[in-house]
Amino acid sequence: MENINIKTKEYNITEKQFFKIISSLYYKRSKINLIIWGLLFVVNLVPLFTQPLSSALPGLMIWVIFFAILYGLTPLLAYKTAAQNKFVFQKTRVEIDIDFFTFFYDDGSLFKYRVSNFHKAENVREFYFLYVTKASIYYIPKAAFYTEADLQLFELMLKSKKLLA
């Protein structure tokens, strides 16, 4: 693990892919809350069968509206906020060594992070997510690696740094 030098191809993400990623991360993080709210919603359906529709419907509508705002609008707002970052949709390439991740952007900008700046990495379908904070995430598509050996070396490095379980 002494000498790692991995370079990726250029990659970028579409707005549709980005929204799917933001949404899936949000729903994954709030899975337990979603289950609890779903159970509470089912419990609140009982009055629908025991009371006249006119008295049970307002309470049910409040639940539906609250649920739609909480689980529909929140990922959309997170997407809008993150999409304002000018680097999100630019072509990116990454150079990785044992100590640093260097992100090069299409406009000539670059960000260099120590591996120790990342507190967690996730292997999710076709991406790796690298977490600087809970809200600051860098992604690297698996397809951006030139070879399968580079991909395996990258994953081995993440595991050796205890970023990937």
N, C-alpha and C. Protein backbone atom coordinates (compact mmCIF):
# COMPACT_ATOMS: atom_id res chain seq x y z
N MET A 1 0.82 -1.21 0.00
CA MET A 1 0.00 0.00 0.00
C MET A 1 0.85 1.26 0.00
N GLU A 2 2.11 1.13 -0.23
CA GLU A 2 3.01 2.27 -0.18
C GLU A 2 2.83 3.23 -1.35
N ASN A 3 2.73 2.68 -2.55
CA ASN A 3 2.76 3.53 -3.74
C ASN A 3 1.48 3.35 -4.56
N ILE A 4 0.52 4.20 -4.30
CA ILE A 4 -0.73 4.16 -5.05
C ILE A 4 -0.80 5.40 -5.91
N ASN A 5 -1.10 5.21 -7.17
CA ASN A 5 -1.30 6.34 -8.07
C ASN A 5 -2.41 5.95 -9.05
N ILE A 6 -3.61 6.32 -8.70
CA ILE A 6 -4.78 5.99 -9.51
C ILE A 6 -5.32 7.26 -10.14
N LYS A 7 -5.60 7.21 -11.41
CA LYS A 7 -6.22 8.34 -12.11
C LYS A 7 -7.52 7.84 -12.72
N THR A 8 -8.53 8.70 -12.69
CA THR A 8 -9.81 8.33 -13.29
C THR A 8 -9.99 9.05 -14.63
N LYS A 9 -10.93 8.53 -15.39
CA LYS A 9 -11.36 9.22 -16.61
C LYS A 9 -12.18 10.43 -16.18
N GLU A 10 -12.41 11.34 -17.12
CA GLU A 10 -13.32 12.45 -16.83
C GLU A 10 -14.74 11.90 -16.70
N TYR A 11 -15.47 12.47 -15.79
CA TYR A 11 -16.87 12.08 -15.61
C TYR A 11 -17.66 13.31 -15.20
N ASN A 12 -18.93 13.25 -15.45
CA ASN A 12 -19.85 14.25 -14.92
C ASN A 12 -21.19 13.59 -14.72
N ILE A 13 -22.08 14.29 -14.11
CA ILE A 13 -23.36 13.72 -13.75
C ILE A 13 -24.47 14.60 -14.31
N THR A 14 -25.55 13.96 -14.73
CA THR A 14 -26.70 14.72 -15.21
C THR A 14 -27.54 15.16 -14.02
N GLU A 15 -28.41 16.12 -14.26
CA GLU A 15 -29.28 16.58 -13.17
C GLU A 15 -30.19 15.46 -12.69
N LYS A 16 -30.66 14.63 -13.61
CA LYS A 16 -31.55 13.52 -13.24
C LYS A 16 -30.81 12.51 -12.35
N GLN A 17 -29.58 12.14 -12.73
CA GLN A 17 -28.79 11.22 -11.91
C GLN A 17 -28.50 11.83 -10.54
N PHE A 18 -28.18 13.12 -10.54
CA PHE A 18 -27.86 13.79 -9.28
C PHE A 18 -29.06 13.80 -8.35
N PHE A 19 -30.25 14.08 -8.88
CA PHE A 19 -31.45 14.09 -8.05
C PHE A 19 -31.73 12.69 -7.51
N LYS A 20 -31.51 11.66 -8.32
CA LYS A 20 -31.72 10.29 -7.85
C LYS A 20 -30.77 9.96 -6.71
N ILE A 21 -29.52 10.41 -6.82
CA ILE A 21 -28.54 10.15 -5.77
C ILE A 21 -28.94 10.86 -4.48
N ILE A 22 -29.27 12.15 -4.59
CA ILE A 22 -29.66 12.93 -3.41
C ILE A 22 -30.89 12.29 -2.74
N SER A 23 -31.87 11.92 -3.54
CA SER A 23 -33.09 11.32 -3.00
C SER A 23 -32.80 9.98 -2.32
N SER A 24 -32.02 9.14 -3.00
CA SER A 24 -31.76 7.81 -2.42
C SER A 24 -30.97 7.93 -1.12
N LEU A 25 -30.01 8.86 -1.06
CA LEU A 25 -29.27 9.06 0.18
C LEU A 25 -30.19 9.55 1.30
N TYR A 26 -31.09 10.48 0.95
CA TYR A 26 -32.03 11.01 1.95
C TYR A 26 -32.94 9.90 2.47
N TYR A 27 -33.52 9.13 1.57
CA TYR A 27 -34.44 8.07 1.99
C TYR A 27 -33.72 6.96 2.73
N LYS A 28 -32.47 6.68 2.37
CA LYS A 28 -31.70 5.67 3.07
C LYS A 28 -31.43 6.12 4.51
N ARG A 29 -31.06 7.38 4.67
CA ARG A 29 -30.79 7.91 6.01
C ARG A 29 -32.05 7.96 6.87
N SER A 30 -33.19 8.18 6.26
CA SER A 30 -34.41 8.35 7.04
C SER A 30 -35.32 7.13 6.97
N LYS A 31 -34.76 5.97 6.69
CA LYS A 31 -35.56 4.75 6.56
C LYS A 31 -36.35 4.44 7.83
N ILE A 32 -35.70 4.53 8.99
CA ILE A 32 -36.37 4.25 10.27
C ILE A 32 -37.50 5.24 10.49
N ASN A 33 -37.23 6.53 10.25
CA ASN A 33 -38.29 7.54 10.40
C ASN A 33 -39.45 7.26 9.45
N LEU A 34 -39.13 6.85 8.25
CA LEU A 34 -40.16 6.53 7.27
C LEU A 34 -41.05 5.39 7.76
N ILE A 35 -40.45 4.38 8.34
CA ILE A 35 -41.21 3.24 8.88
C ILE A 35 -42.10 3.70 10.04
N ILE A 36 -41.55 4.49 10.93
CA ILE A 36 -42.33 4.98 12.09
C ILE A 36 -43.50 5.83 11.62
N TRP A 37 -43.22 6.77 10.70
CA TRP A 37 -44.31 7.62 10.19
C TRP A 37 -45.35 6.79 9.44
N GLY A 38 -44.91 5.77 8.72
CA GLY A 38 -45.84 4.90 8.02
C GLY A 38 -46.75 4.15 8.99
N LEU A 39 -46.18 3.66 10.09
CA LEU A 39 -46.98 2.96 11.10
C LEU A 39 -47.97 3.91 11.77
N LEU A 40 -47.50 5.12 12.10
CA LEU A 40 -48.41 6.11 12.69
C LEU A 40 -49.54 6.47 11.72
N PHE A 41 -49.20 6.53 10.45
CA PHE A 41 -50.22 6.82 9.44
C PHE A 41 -51.27 5.71 9.39
N VAL A 42 -50.81 4.47 9.42
CA VAL A 42 -51.75 3.32 9.40
C VAL A 42 -52.64 3.36 10.64
N VAL A 43 -52.05 3.66 11.79
CA VAL A 43 -52.84 3.76 13.02
C VAL A 43 -53.89 4.86 12.88
N ASN A 44 -53.54 5.93 12.22
CA ASN A 44 -54.49 7.03 12.04
C ASN A 44 -55.53 6.73 10.96
N LEU A 45 -55.40 5.62 10.27
CA LEU A 45 -56.43 5.21 9.33
C LEU A 45 -57.63 4.60 10.04
N VAL A 46 -57.44 4.11 11.27
CA VAL A 46 -58.50 3.46 12.03
C VAL A 46 -59.75 4.34 12.14
N PRO A 47 -59.61 5.65 12.46
CA PRO A 47 -60.82 6.48 12.54
C PRO A 47 -61.60 6.53 11.22
N LEU A 48 -60.93 6.29 10.13
CA LEU A 48 -61.61 6.29 8.84
C LEU A 48 -62.68 5.21 8.77
N PHE A 49 -62.44 4.11 9.50
CA PHE A 49 -63.39 3.00 9.49
C PHE A 49 -64.36 3.03 10.66
N THR A 50 -64.05 3.82 11.69
CA THR A 50 -64.90 3.85 12.87
C THR A 50 -65.72 5.13 13.01
N GLN A 51 -65.39 6.16 12.23
CA GLN A 51 -66.10 7.43 12.29
C GLN A 51 -66.62 7.77 10.90
N PRO A 52 -67.55 8.71 10.86
CA PRO A 52 -68.00 9.15 9.55
C PRO A 52 -66.83 9.77 8.77
N LEU A 53 -66.88 9.63 7.48
CA LEU A 53 -65.82 10.11 6.61
C LEU A 53 -65.55 11.61 6.80
N SER A 54 -66.59 12.38 7.02
CA SER A 54 -66.43 13.83 7.14
C SER A 54 -65.61 14.23 8.37
N SER A 55 -65.64 13.44 9.45
CA SER A 55 -64.85 13.80 10.63
C SER A 55 -63.45 13.19 10.60
N ALA A 56 -63.25 12.09 9.89
CA ALA A 56 -61.93 11.44 9.85
C ALA A 56 -61.04 12.01 8.75
N LEU A 57 -61.65 12.54 7.69
CA LEU A 57 -60.89 12.98 6.53
C LEU A 57 -59.94 14.15 6.81
N PRO A 58 -60.33 15.18 7.57
CA PRO A 58 -59.38 16.28 7.82
C PRO A 58 -58.09 15.82 8.50
N GLY A 59 -58.19 14.95 9.49
CA GLY A 59 -56.99 14.45 10.17
C GLY A 59 -56.12 13.65 9.22
N LEU A 60 -56.76 12.86 8.38
CA LEU A 60 -56.03 12.07 7.41
C LEU A 60 -55.33 12.96 6.38
N MET A 61 -55.98 14.02 5.96
CA MET A 61 -55.39 14.94 4.99
C MET A 61 -54.18 15.67 5.58
N ILE A 62 -54.25 15.99 6.86
CA ILE A 62 -53.11 16.63 7.52
C ILE A 62 -51.90 15.69 7.48
N TRP A 63 -52.12 14.40 7.76
CA TRP A 63 -51.03 13.43 7.70
C TRP A 63 -50.46 13.34 6.28
N VAL A 64 -51.31 13.28 5.30
CA VAL A 64 -50.87 13.16 3.91
C VAL A 64 -50.05 14.38 3.50
N ILE A 65 -50.52 15.56 3.84
CA ILE A 65 -49.81 16.80 3.49
C ILE A 65 -48.46 16.86 4.21
N PHE A 66 -48.46 16.56 5.51
CA PHE A 66 -47.21 16.58 6.27
C PHE A 66 -46.21 15.57 5.70
N PHE A 67 -46.68 14.38 5.40
CA PHE A 67 -45.82 13.33 4.84
C PHE A 67 -45.27 13.75 3.48
N ALA A 68 -46.10 14.35 2.65
CA ALA A 68 -45.66 14.79 1.32
C ALA A 68 -44.60 15.89 1.43
N ILE A 69 -44.79 16.80 2.37
CA ILE A 69 -43.80 17.86 2.56
C ILE A 69 -42.49 17.28 3.09
N LEU A 70 -42.59 16.43 4.11
CA LEU A 70 -41.40 15.88 4.75
C LEU A 70 -40.60 14.99 3.81
N TYR A 71 -41.28 14.11 3.08
CA TYR A 71 -40.56 13.13 2.27
C TYR A 71 -40.57 13.43 0.77
N GLY A 72 -41.23 14.47 0.37
CA GLY A 72 -41.22 14.85 -1.03
C GLY A 72 -40.44 16.12 -1.28
N LEU A 73 -40.67 17.09 -0.42
CA LEU A 73 -40.05 18.40 -0.61
C LEU A 73 -38.61 18.45 -0.09
N THR A 74 -38.31 17.73 0.97
CA THR A 74 -36.97 17.79 1.56
C THR A 74 -35.88 17.38 0.58
N PRO A 75 -36.00 16.23 -0.13
CA PRO A 75 -34.94 15.91 -1.10
C PRO A 75 -34.86 16.94 -2.23
N LEU A 76 -36.00 17.49 -2.61
CA LEU A 76 -36.01 18.51 -3.66
C LEU A 76 -35.25 19.76 -3.22
N LEU A 77 -35.47 20.18 -1.99
CA LEU A 77 -34.74 21.34 -1.47
C LEU A 77 -33.25 21.05 -1.33
N ALA A 78 -32.92 19.83 -0.89
CA ALA A 78 -31.50 19.45 -0.78
C ALA A 78 -30.86 19.45 -2.16
N TYR A 79 -31.59 18.98 -3.16
CA TYR A 79 -31.09 18.96 -4.54
C TYR A 79 -30.86 20.38 -5.03
N LYS A 80 -31.84 21.26 -4.82
CA LYS A 80 -31.72 22.65 -5.27
C LYS A 80 -30.51 23.34 -4.62
N THR A 81 -30.33 23.10 -3.32
CA THR A 81 -29.20 23.70 -2.62
C THR A 81 -27.87 23.18 -3.16
N ALA A 82 -27.76 21.87 -3.31
CA ALA A 82 -26.51 21.27 -3.78
C ALA A 82 -26.23 21.63 -5.24
N ALA A 83 -27.29 21.74 -6.05
CA ALA A 83 -27.13 22.04 -7.48
C ALA A 83 -26.62 23.46 -7.71
N GLN A 84 -26.71 24.33 -6.70
CA GLN A 84 -26.18 25.68 -6.84
C GLN A 84 -24.66 25.70 -6.81
N ASN A 85 -24.05 24.62 -6.34
CA ASN A 85 -22.58 24.51 -6.34
C ASN A 85 -22.14 24.38 -7.80
N LYS A 86 -21.30 25.28 -8.24
CA LYS A 86 -20.93 25.32 -9.66
C LYS A 86 -20.11 24.11 -10.09
N PHE A 87 -19.61 23.32 -9.15
CA PHE A 87 -18.77 22.18 -9.50
C PHE A 87 -19.56 20.89 -9.71
N VAL A 88 -20.81 20.86 -9.27
CA VAL A 88 -21.57 19.61 -9.29
C VAL A 88 -21.69 19.00 -10.69
N PHE A 89 -22.00 19.80 -11.69
CA PHE A 89 -22.27 19.27 -13.02
C PHE A 89 -21.09 19.42 -13.99
N GLN A 90 -19.95 19.86 -13.49
CA GLN A 90 -18.78 19.99 -14.35
C GLN A 90 -18.10 18.64 -14.55
N LYS A 91 -17.39 18.54 -15.68
CA LYS A 91 -16.58 17.35 -15.89
C LYS A 91 -15.49 17.35 -14.83
N THR A 92 -15.26 16.17 -14.27
CA THR A 92 -14.32 16.02 -13.17
C THR A 92 -13.43 14.81 -13.45
N ARG A 93 -12.22 14.88 -13.00
CA ARG A 93 -11.36 13.69 -12.95
C ARG A 93 -10.64 13.73 -11.62
N VAL A 94 -10.22 12.56 -11.16
CA VAL A 94 -9.63 12.47 -9.83
C VAL A 94 -8.29 11.75 -9.93
N GLU A 95 -7.33 12.24 -9.17
CA GLU A 95 -6.07 11.55 -8.99
C GLU A 95 -5.99 11.17 -7.52
N ILE A 96 -5.66 9.90 -7.28
CA ILE A 96 -5.68 9.37 -5.93
C ILE A 96 -4.30 8.78 -5.62
N ASP A 97 -3.76 9.17 -4.48
CA ASP A 97 -2.57 8.49 -3.99
C ASP A 97 -2.83 8.11 -2.54
N ILE A 98 -1.86 7.56 -1.88
CA ILE A 98 -2.06 7.03 -0.53
C ILE A 98 -2.48 8.10 0.47
N ASP A 99 -2.13 9.36 0.21
CA ASP A 99 -2.42 10.43 1.16
C ASP A 99 -3.45 11.46 0.70
N PHE A 100 -3.67 11.57 -0.62
CA PHE A 100 -4.50 12.65 -1.14
C PHE A 100 -5.49 12.20 -2.21
N PHE A 101 -6.61 12.91 -2.25
CA PHE A 101 -7.55 12.87 -3.37
C PHE A 101 -7.47 14.24 -4.00
N THR A 102 -7.21 14.32 -5.28
CA THR A 102 -7.19 15.60 -5.98
C THR A 102 -8.28 15.58 -7.05
N PHE A 103 -9.24 16.50 -6.92
CA PHE A 103 -10.35 16.61 -7.86
C PHE A 103 -10.04 17.74 -8.83
N PHE A 104 -9.97 17.43 -10.12
CA PHE A 104 -9.72 18.42 -11.16
C PHE A 104 -11.03 18.69 -11.89
N TYR A 105 -11.38 19.96 -12.06
CA TYR A 105 -12.63 20.33 -12.71
C TYR A 105 -12.37 20.95 -14.08
N ASP A 106 -13.40 20.91 -14.89
CA ASP A 106 -13.34 21.38 -16.28
C ASP A 106 -12.91 22.84 -16.39
N ASP A 107 -13.26 23.66 -15.43
CA ASP A 107 -12.93 25.08 -15.51
C ASP A 107 -11.51 25.39 -15.03
N GLY A 108 -10.73 24.35 -14.70
CA GLY A 108 -9.37 24.55 -14.25
C GLY A 108 -9.21 24.53 -12.74
N SER A 109 -10.31 24.51 -12.01
CA SER A 109 -10.25 24.46 -10.55
C SER A 109 -9.80 23.08 -10.09
N LEU A 110 -9.23 23.05 -8.91
CA LEU A 110 -8.90 21.76 -8.31
C LEU A 110 -9.05 21.86 -6.80
N PHE A 111 -9.42 20.72 -6.21
CA PHE A 111 -9.51 20.61 -4.76
C PHE A 111 -8.69 19.41 -4.36
N LYS A 112 -7.82 19.62 -3.38
CA LYS A 112 -6.96 18.55 -2.90
C LYS A 112 -7.30 18.30 -1.44
N TYR A 113 -7.68 17.06 -1.14
CA TYR A 113 -8.04 16.67 0.21
C TYR A 113 -7.11 15.58 0.70
N ARG A 114 -6.73 15.69 1.95
CA ARG A 114 -6.03 14.58 2.59
C ARG A 114 -7.05 13.45 2.77
N VAL A 115 -6.60 12.25 2.67
CA VAL A 115 -7.48 11.11 2.90
C VAL A 115 -8.10 11.21 4.28
N SER A 116 -7.36 11.74 5.23
CA SER A 116 -7.87 11.88 6.60
C SER A 116 -9.01 12.89 6.72
N ASN A 117 -9.22 13.73 5.68
CA ASN A 117 -10.35 14.66 5.70
C ASN A 117 -11.69 13.94 5.52
N PHE A 118 -11.64 12.76 4.96
CA PHE A 118 -12.86 11.98 4.74
C PHE A 118 -13.11 11.10 5.96
N HIS A 119 -14.35 11.08 6.41
CA HIS A 119 -14.64 10.27 7.59
C HIS A 119 -15.34 8.96 7.24
N LYS A 120 -15.78 8.83 5.98
CA LYS A 120 -16.51 7.63 5.61
C LYS A 120 -16.56 7.53 4.09
N ALA A 121 -16.64 6.30 3.61
CA ALA A 121 -16.86 6.06 2.18
C ALA A 121 -17.93 4.99 2.06
N GLU A 122 -18.72 5.08 1.00
CA GLU A 122 -19.75 4.09 0.75
C GLU A 122 -19.64 3.58 -0.67
N ASN A 123 -19.84 2.29 -0.83
CA ASN A 123 -19.88 1.67 -2.14
C ASN A 123 -21.35 1.44 -2.47
N VAL A 124 -21.92 2.30 -3.29
CA VAL A 124 -23.35 2.24 -3.60
C VAL A 124 -23.55 2.07 -5.10
N ARG A 125 -24.09 0.93 -5.46
CA ARG A 125 -24.32 0.57 -6.87
C ARG A 125 -23.16 0.94 -7.77
N GLU A 126 -23.30 1.96 -8.58
CA GLU A 126 -22.25 2.30 -9.55
C GLU A 126 -21.38 3.48 -9.11
N PHE A 127 -21.47 3.86 -7.84
CA PHE A 127 -20.70 5.00 -7.33
C PHE A 127 -19.98 4.66 -6.04
N TYR A 128 -18.95 5.43 -5.76
CA TYR A 128 -18.37 5.51 -4.43
C TYR A 128 -18.70 6.90 -3.92
N PHE A 129 -19.19 6.98 -2.70
CA PHE A 129 -19.44 8.26 -2.06
C PHE A 129 -18.38 8.46 -0.99
N LEU A 130 -17.76 9.62 -1.02
CA LEU A 130 -16.73 9.98 -0.04
C LEU A 130 -17.27 11.14 0.78
N TYR A 131 -17.39 10.95 2.08
CA TYR A 131 -17.99 11.94 2.97
C TYR A 131 -16.94 12.77 3.68
N VAL A 132 -16.97 14.08 3.42
CA VAL A 132 -16.16 15.02 4.19
C VAL A 132 -16.95 15.37 5.45
N THR A 133 -18.23 15.68 5.27
CA THR A 133 -19.19 15.85 6.36
C THR A 133 -20.44 15.10 5.94
N LYS A 134 -21.46 15.11 6.77
CA LYS A 134 -22.70 14.43 6.43
C LYS A 134 -23.34 15.03 5.18
N ALA A 135 -23.15 16.34 5.00
CA ALA A 135 -23.77 17.02 3.87
C ALA A 135 -22.81 17.26 2.70
N SER A 136 -21.52 17.12 2.93
CA SER A 136 -20.54 17.36 1.88
C SER A 136 -20.02 16.02 1.37
N ILE A 137 -20.49 15.65 0.19
CA ILE A 137 -20.20 14.33 -0.35
C ILE A 137 -19.57 14.48 -1.73
N TYR A 138 -18.53 13.73 -1.97
CA TYR A 138 -17.94 13.62 -3.31
C TYR A 138 -18.28 12.24 -3.83
N TYR A 139 -18.53 12.16 -5.10
CA TYR A 139 -18.84 10.86 -5.69
C TYR A 139 -17.83 10.57 -6.79
N ILE A 140 -17.54 9.29 -6.94
CA ILE A 140 -16.68 8.83 -8.03
C ILE A 140 -17.39 7.63 -8.65
N PRO A 141 -17.80 7.73 -9.91
CA PRO A 141 -18.44 6.58 -10.54
C PRO A 141 -17.44 5.45 -10.75
N LYS A 142 -17.89 4.23 -10.57
CA LYS A 142 -17.01 3.08 -10.80
C LYS A 142 -16.55 3.02 -12.25
N ALA A 143 -17.40 3.50 -13.16
CA ALA A 143 -17.06 3.48 -14.59
C ALA A 143 -15.92 4.44 -14.92
N ALA A 144 -15.59 5.35 -14.01
CA ALA A 144 -14.53 6.33 -14.28
C ALA A 144 -13.13 5.73 -14.13
N PHE A 145 -13.03 4.58 -13.47
CA PHE A 145 -11.73 3.96 -13.32
C PHE A 145 -11.32 3.30 -14.63
N TYR A 146 -10.06 3.41 -14.98
CA TYR A 146 -9.58 2.87 -16.25
C TYR A 146 -9.59 1.35 -16.28
N THR A 147 -9.23 0.73 -15.17
CA THR A 147 -9.16 -0.73 -15.16
C THR A 147 -9.83 -1.27 -13.91
N GLU A 148 -10.16 -2.53 -13.96
CA GLU A 148 -10.72 -3.22 -12.80
C GLU A 148 -9.68 -3.26 -11.67
N ALA A 149 -8.41 -3.37 -12.04
CA ALA A 149 -7.34 -3.39 -11.04
C ALA A 149 -7.28 -2.06 -10.28
N ASP A 150 -7.47 -0.94 -10.98
CA ASP A 150 -7.51 0.37 -10.32
C ASP A 150 -8.68 0.44 -9.34
N LEU A 151 -9.81 -0.07 -9.77
CA LEU A 151 -11.01 -0.07 -8.93
C LEU A 151 -10.77 -0.91 -7.66
N GLN A 152 -10.17 -2.08 -7.81
CA GLN A 152 -9.89 -2.94 -6.66
C GLN A 152 -8.85 -2.31 -5.74
N LEU A 153 -7.84 -1.68 -6.32
CA LEU A 153 -6.81 -1.01 -5.53
C LEU A 153 -7.42 0.16 -4.74
N PHE A 154 -8.31 0.90 -5.38
CA PHE A 154 -9.01 2.01 -4.72
C PHE A 154 -9.81 1.49 -3.53
N GLU A 155 -10.55 0.43 -3.76
CA GLU A 155 -11.37 -0.13 -2.68
C GLU A 155 -10.49 -0.66 -1.55
N LEU A 156 -9.39 -1.30 -1.89
CA LEU A 156 -8.45 -1.80 -0.89
C LEU A 156 -7.86 -0.65 -0.07
N MET A 157 -7.54 0.47 -0.74
CA MET A 157 -7.01 1.62 -0.04
C MET A 157 -8.05 2.19 0.92
N LEU A 158 -9.31 2.28 0.47
CA LEU A 158 -10.38 2.78 1.36
C LEU A 158 -10.53 1.90 2.58
N LYS A 159 -10.47 0.60 2.38
CA LYS A 159 -10.59 -0.34 3.51
C LYS A 159 -9.39 -0.22 4.44
N SER A 160 -8.19 -0.07 3.89
CA SER A 160 -7.00 0.04 4.74
C SER A 160 -7.02 1.32 5.58
N LYS A 161 -7.66 2.36 5.05
CA LYS A 161 -7.78 3.64 5.79
C LYS A 161 -9.01 3.65 6.69
N LYS A 162 -9.72 2.49 6.72
CA LYS A 162 -10.93 2.31 7.55
C LYS A 162 -12.05 3.28 7.19
N LEU A 163 -12.12 3.63 5.91
CA LEU A 163 -13.21 4.48 5.43
C LEU A 163 -14.37 3.64 4.90
N LEU A 164 -14.05 2.47 4.43
CA LEU A 164 -15.05 1.58 3.83
C LEU A 164 -15.11 0.30 4.65
N ALA A 165 -16.30 -0.07 5.04
CA ALA A 165 -16.46 -1.29 5.87
C ALA A 165 -16.32 -2.54 5.02
